[in-house]
Amino acid sequence: MQLPLPTLYFENKAGRLLEDPAGFLRAHWSEQERDELTFRALFNHMVQALRRHGWYRILIDQRQMRAFSTAEQQWIVQEWLPRAVTEGGYRFGAIVVSEDVFTRLATAYVTTSVQGLPLVYRTFTEEAAAVAWLRQQ
């Protein structure tokens, strides 16, 4: 028996969030330029979706994403990650990485700055492998 398809939870210029019936959130980043409000809105809706479902896993597809700016990286690390863990229950992130080296470097900064939070990230080049890992968590 096949599970139903993921359903749209939120979408803006920065990307879209899908609720996967397998019990995790899918975050697909857009290639479009984004401003601070749309960037933060996407992240804030991630926390709300996790809390709404009692989920703790996110599949993050960055294949089309523009690199995080320094200010975005700082906000994620200093404000969003601690809140996502404490308020949203975030514990596991499977990242399908971009081929762009600047996007990878910006993401590496975030994933290595979890500051002792109970949060595990793994990076993948293929979505199927990321989903398989996430389902085991």
C-alpha atoms as a PDB file:
ATOM      1  CA  MET A   1       0.000   0.000   0.000  1.00  0.00           C
ATOM      2  CA  GLN A   2       1.363   3.380  -1.007  1.00  0.00           C
ATOM      3  CA  LEU A   3       1.059   6.403   1.269  1.00  0.00           C
ATOM      4  CA  PRO A   4      -0.798   9.472   0.017  1.00  0.00           C
ATOM      5  CA  LEU A   5       1.272  12.238  -1.553  1.00  0.00           C
ATOM      6  CA  PRO A   6       2.642  15.093   0.571  1.00  0.00           C
ATOM      7  CA  THR A   7       0.327  18.090   0.909  1.00  0.00           C
ATOM      8  CA  LEU A   8       1.226  21.762   0.757  1.00  0.00           C
ATOM      9  CA  TYR A   9       1.489  23.419   4.171  1.00  0.00           C
ATOM     10  CA  PHE A  10       3.055  26.789   3.292  1.00  0.00           C
ATOM     11  CA  GLU A  11       4.639  28.485   0.302  1.00  0.00           C
ATOM     12  CA  ASN A  12       6.311  31.803  -0.452  1.00  0.00           C
ATOM     13  CA  LYS A  13       9.144  33.153  -2.625  1.00  0.00           C
ATOM     14  CA  ALA A  14      11.774  31.468  -0.449  1.00  0.00           C
ATOM     15  CA  GLY A  15      10.311  27.982  -0.859  1.00  0.00           C
ATOM     16  CA  ARG A  16       7.529  25.624   0.096  1.00  0.00           C
ATOM     17  CA  LEU A  17       6.764  23.277   2.947  1.00  0.00           C
ATOM     18  CA  LEU A  18       4.997  19.975   2.411  1.00  0.00           C
ATOM     19  CA  GLU A  19       3.513  17.674   5.026  1.00  0.00           C
ATOM     20  CA  ASP A  20       4.625  14.144   4.241  1.00  0.00           C
ATOM     21  CA  PRO A  21       2.227  11.398   5.401  1.00  0.00           C
ATOM     22  CA  ALA A  22       5.306   9.365   6.413  1.00  0.00           C
ATOM     23  CA  GLY A  23       5.600  11.705   9.415  1.00  0.00           C
ATOM     24  CA  PHE A  24       8.023  14.434   8.454  1.00  0.00           C
ATOM     25  CA  LEU A  25       8.145  17.882   6.927  1.00  0.00           C
ATOM     26  CA  ARG A  26       9.599  18.528   3.463  1.00  0.00           C
ATOM     27  CA  ALA A  27      11.229  21.941   2.938  1.00  0.00           C
ATOM     28  CA  HIS A  28      11.975  22.753  -0.708  1.00  0.00           C
ATOM     29  CA  TRP A  29      14.037  25.913  -1.141  1.00  0.00           C
ATOM     30  CA  SER A  30      13.444  28.043  -4.219  1.00  0.00           C
ATOM     31  CA  GLU A  31      16.100  29.471  -6.541  1.00  0.00           C
ATOM     32  CA  GLN A  32      14.435  32.889  -6.298  1.00  0.00           C
ATOM     33  CA  GLU A  33      15.956  35.821  -4.456  1.00  0.00           C
ATOM     34  CA  ARG A  34      14.441  36.188  -1.023  1.00  0.00           C
ATOM     35  CA  ASP A  35      14.156  38.968   1.494  1.00  0.00           C
ATOM     36  CA  GLU A  36      14.414  38.706   5.255  1.00  0.00           C
ATOM     37  CA  LEU A  37      10.655  38.467   5.793  1.00  0.00           C
ATOM     38  CA  THR A  38      10.073  35.594   3.352  1.00  0.00           C
ATOM     39  CA  PHE A  39      13.203  33.786   4.597  1.00  0.00           C
ATOM     40  CA  ARG A  40      12.133  33.998   8.238  1.00  0.00           C
ATOM     41  CA  ALA A  41       8.514  33.177   7.414  1.00  0.00           C
ATOM     42  CA  LEU A  42       9.542  29.886   5.820  1.00  0.00           C
ATOM     43  CA  PHE A  43      11.627  28.952   8.861  1.00  0.00           C
ATOM     44  CA  ASN A  44       8.936  30.026  11.324  1.00  0.00           C
ATOM     45  CA  HIS A  45       6.349  27.920   9.512  1.00  0.00           C
ATOM     46  CA  MET A  46       8.706  24.932   9.810  1.00  0.00           C
ATOM     47  CA  VAL A  47       8.505  25.213  13.605  1.00  0.00           C
ATOM     48  CA  GLN A  48       4.725  25.602  13.493  1.00  0.00           C
ATOM     49  CA  ALA A  49       4.308  22.533  11.275  1.00  0.00           C
ATOM     50  CA  LEU A  50       6.537  20.392  13.515  1.00  0.00           C
ATOM     51  CA  ARG A  51       4.609  21.475  16.587  1.00  0.00           C
ATOM     52  CA  ARG A  52       1.235  20.999  14.874  1.00  0.00           C
ATOM     53  CA  HIS A  53       1.968  17.357  14.041  1.00  0.00           C
ATOM     54  CA  GLY A  54       4.325  16.442  16.874  1.00  0.00           C
ATOM     55  CA  TRP A  55       6.991  15.692  14.262  1.00  0.00           C
ATOM     56  CA  TYR A  56      10.740  15.991  14.772  1.00  0.00           C
ATOM     57  CA  ARG A  57      12.176  15.394  11.268  1.00  0.00           C
ATOM     58  CA  ILE A  58      12.668  17.642   8.239  1.00  0.00           C
ATOM     59  CA  LEU A  59      13.799  16.783   4.729  1.00  0.00           C
ATOM     60  CA  ILE A  60      15.530  19.922   3.425  1.00  0.00           C
ATOM     61  CA  ASP A  61      15.938  20.140  -0.336  1.00  0.00           C
ATOM     62  CA  GLN A  62      18.541  22.780  -1.162  1.00  0.00           C
ATOM     63  CA  ARG A  63      19.292  21.740  -4.737  1.00  0.00           C
ATOM     64  CA  GLN A  64      17.835  24.993  -6.140  1.00  0.00           C
ATOM     65  CA  MET A  65      18.586  27.246  -3.156  1.00  0.00           C
ATOM     66  CA  ARG A  66      20.743  30.342  -3.185  1.00  0.00           C
ATOM     67  CA  ALA A  67      23.382  30.355  -0.437  1.00  0.00           C
ATOM     68  CA  PHE A  68      22.417  31.696   2.980  1.00  0.00           C
ATOM     69  CA  SER A  69      23.827  35.159   3.627  1.00  0.00           C
ATOM     70  CA  THR A  70      26.008  35.713   6.697  1.00  0.00           C
ATOM     71  CA  ALA A  71      23.074  37.428   8.435  1.00  0.00           C
ATOM     72  CA  GLU A  72      20.771  34.510   7.586  1.00  0.00           C
ATOM     73  CA  GLN A  73      23.316  32.008   8.902  1.00  0.00           C
ATOM     74  CA  GLN A  74      23.625  33.925  12.175  1.00  0.00           C
ATOM     75  CA  TRP A  75      19.852  34.128  12.639  1.00  0.00           C
ATOM     76  CA  ILE A  76      19.419  30.397  11.972  1.00  0.00           C
ATOM     77  CA  VAL A  77      22.166  29.405  14.403  1.00  0.00           C
ATOM     78  CA  GLN A  78      21.482  31.914  17.180  1.00  0.00           C
ATOM     79  CA  GLU A  79      17.702  32.178  17.087  1.00  0.00           C
ATOM     80  CA  TRP A  80      15.932  29.631  14.929  1.00  0.00           C
ATOM     81  CA  LEU A  81      17.736  26.376  15.764  1.00  0.00           C
ATOM     82  CA  PRO A  82      17.335  26.707  19.562  1.00  0.00           C
ATOM     83  CA  ARG A  83      13.643  27.613  19.103  1.00  0.00           C
ATOM     84  CA  ALA A  84      13.045  24.820  16.577  1.00  0.00           C
ATOM     85  CA  VAL A  85      14.452  22.296  19.050  1.00  0.00           C
ATOM     86  CA  THR A  86      12.710  23.616  22.179  1.00  0.00           C
ATOM     87  CA  GLU A  87       9.367  24.709  20.696  1.00  0.00           C
ATOM     88  CA  GLY A  88       9.096  22.446  17.665  1.00  0.00           C
ATOM     89  CA  GLY A  89      10.818  19.302  18.880  1.00  0.00           C
ATOM     90  CA  TYR A  90      13.200  19.351  15.888  1.00  0.00           C
ATOM     91  CA  ARG A  91      15.745  16.498  16.139  1.00  0.00           C
ATOM     92  CA  PHE A  92      16.748  15.225  12.662  1.00  0.00           C
ATOM     93  CA  GLY A  93      17.460  17.069   9.416  1.00  0.00           C
ATOM     94  CA  ALA A  94      18.247  15.308   6.134  1.00  0.00           C
ATOM     95  CA  ILE A  95      19.666  17.815   3.662  1.00  0.00           C
ATOM     96  CA  VAL A  96      19.712  17.208  -0.081  1.00  0.00           C
ATOM     97  CA  VAL A  97      22.606  19.500  -0.927  1.00  0.00           C
ATOM     98  CA  SER A  98      23.103  21.930  -3.756  1.00  0.00           C
ATOM     99  CA  GLU A  99      25.909  21.520  -6.268  1.00  0.00           C
ATOM    100  CA  ASP A 100      26.810  25.179  -5.656  1.00  0.00           C
ATOM    101  CA  VAL A 101      29.904  25.391  -3.437  1.00  0.00           C
ATOM    102  CA  PHE A 102      28.781  28.611  -1.708  1.00  0.00           C
ATOM    103  CA  THR A 103      25.438  27.083  -0.776  1.00  0.00           C
ATOM    104  CA  ARG A 104      27.228  24.007   0.593  1.00  0.00           C
ATOM    105  CA  LEU A 105      29.641  26.136   2.640  1.00  0.00           C
ATOM    106  CA  ALA A 106      26.843  28.256   4.108  1.00  0.00           C
ATOM    107  CA  THR A 107      24.898  25.118   4.992  1.00  0.00           C
ATOM    108  CA  ALA A 108      27.976  23.481   6.527  1.00  0.00           C
ATOM    109  CA  TYR A 109      28.374  26.483   8.834  1.00  0.00           C
ATOM    110  CA  VAL A 110      24.798  26.040  10.078  1.00  0.00           C
ATOM    111  CA  THR A 111      24.935  22.258  10.480  1.00  0.00           C
ATOM    112  CA  THR A 112      28.205  22.380  12.418  1.00  0.00           C
ATOM    113  CA  SER A 113      26.953  25.139  14.736  1.00  0.00           C
ATOM    114  CA  VAL A 114      24.231  23.232  16.558  1.00  0.00           C
ATOM    115  CA  GLN A 115      25.820  24.288  19.875  1.00  0.00           C
ATOM    116  CA  GLY A 116      25.191  21.110  21.818  1.00  0.00           C
ATOM    117  CA  LEU A 117      21.535  20.940  20.793  1.00  0.00           C
ATOM    118  CA  PRO A 118      19.998  17.449  20.500  1.00  0.00           C
ATOM    119  CA  LEU A 119      19.925  17.777  16.725  1.00  0.00           C
ATOM    120  CA  VAL A 120      21.491  15.593  14.026  1.00  0.00           C
ATOM    121  CA  TYR A 121      22.038  16.619  10.423  1.00  0.00           C
ATOM    122  CA  ARG A 122      23.111  14.421   7.529  1.00  0.00           C
ATOM    123  CA  THR A 123      23.726  15.541   3.988  1.00  0.00           C
ATOM    124  CA  PHE A 124      22.837  13.635   0.830  1.00  0.00           C
ATOM    125  CA  THR A 125      23.136  14.087  -2.911  1.00  0.00           C
ATOM    126  CA  GLU A 126      20.020  11.998  -3.648  1.00  0.00           C
ATOM    127  CA  GLU A 127      16.555  12.578  -2.201  1.00  0.00           C
ATOM    128  CA  ALA A 128      15.759   8.837  -1.941  1.00  0.00           C
ATOM    129  CA  ALA A 129      18.748   8.250   0.341  1.00  0.00           C
ATOM    130  CA  ALA A 130      17.791  11.252   2.483  1.00  0.00           C
ATOM    131  CA  VAL A 131      14.216   9.983   2.850  1.00  0.00           C
ATOM    132  CA  ALA A 132      15.411   6.470   3.707  1.00  0.00           C
ATOM    133  CA  TRP A 133      17.690   7.819   6.467  1.00  0.00           C
ATOM    134  CA  LEU A 134      15.018  10.135   7.815  1.00  0.00           C
ATOM    135  CA  ARG A 135      12.467   7.329   8.047  1.00  0.00           C
ATOM    136  CA  GLN A 136      14.883   5.346  10.231  1.00  0.00           C
ATOM    137  CA  GLN A 137      15.135   8.159  12.761  1.00  0.00           C
END
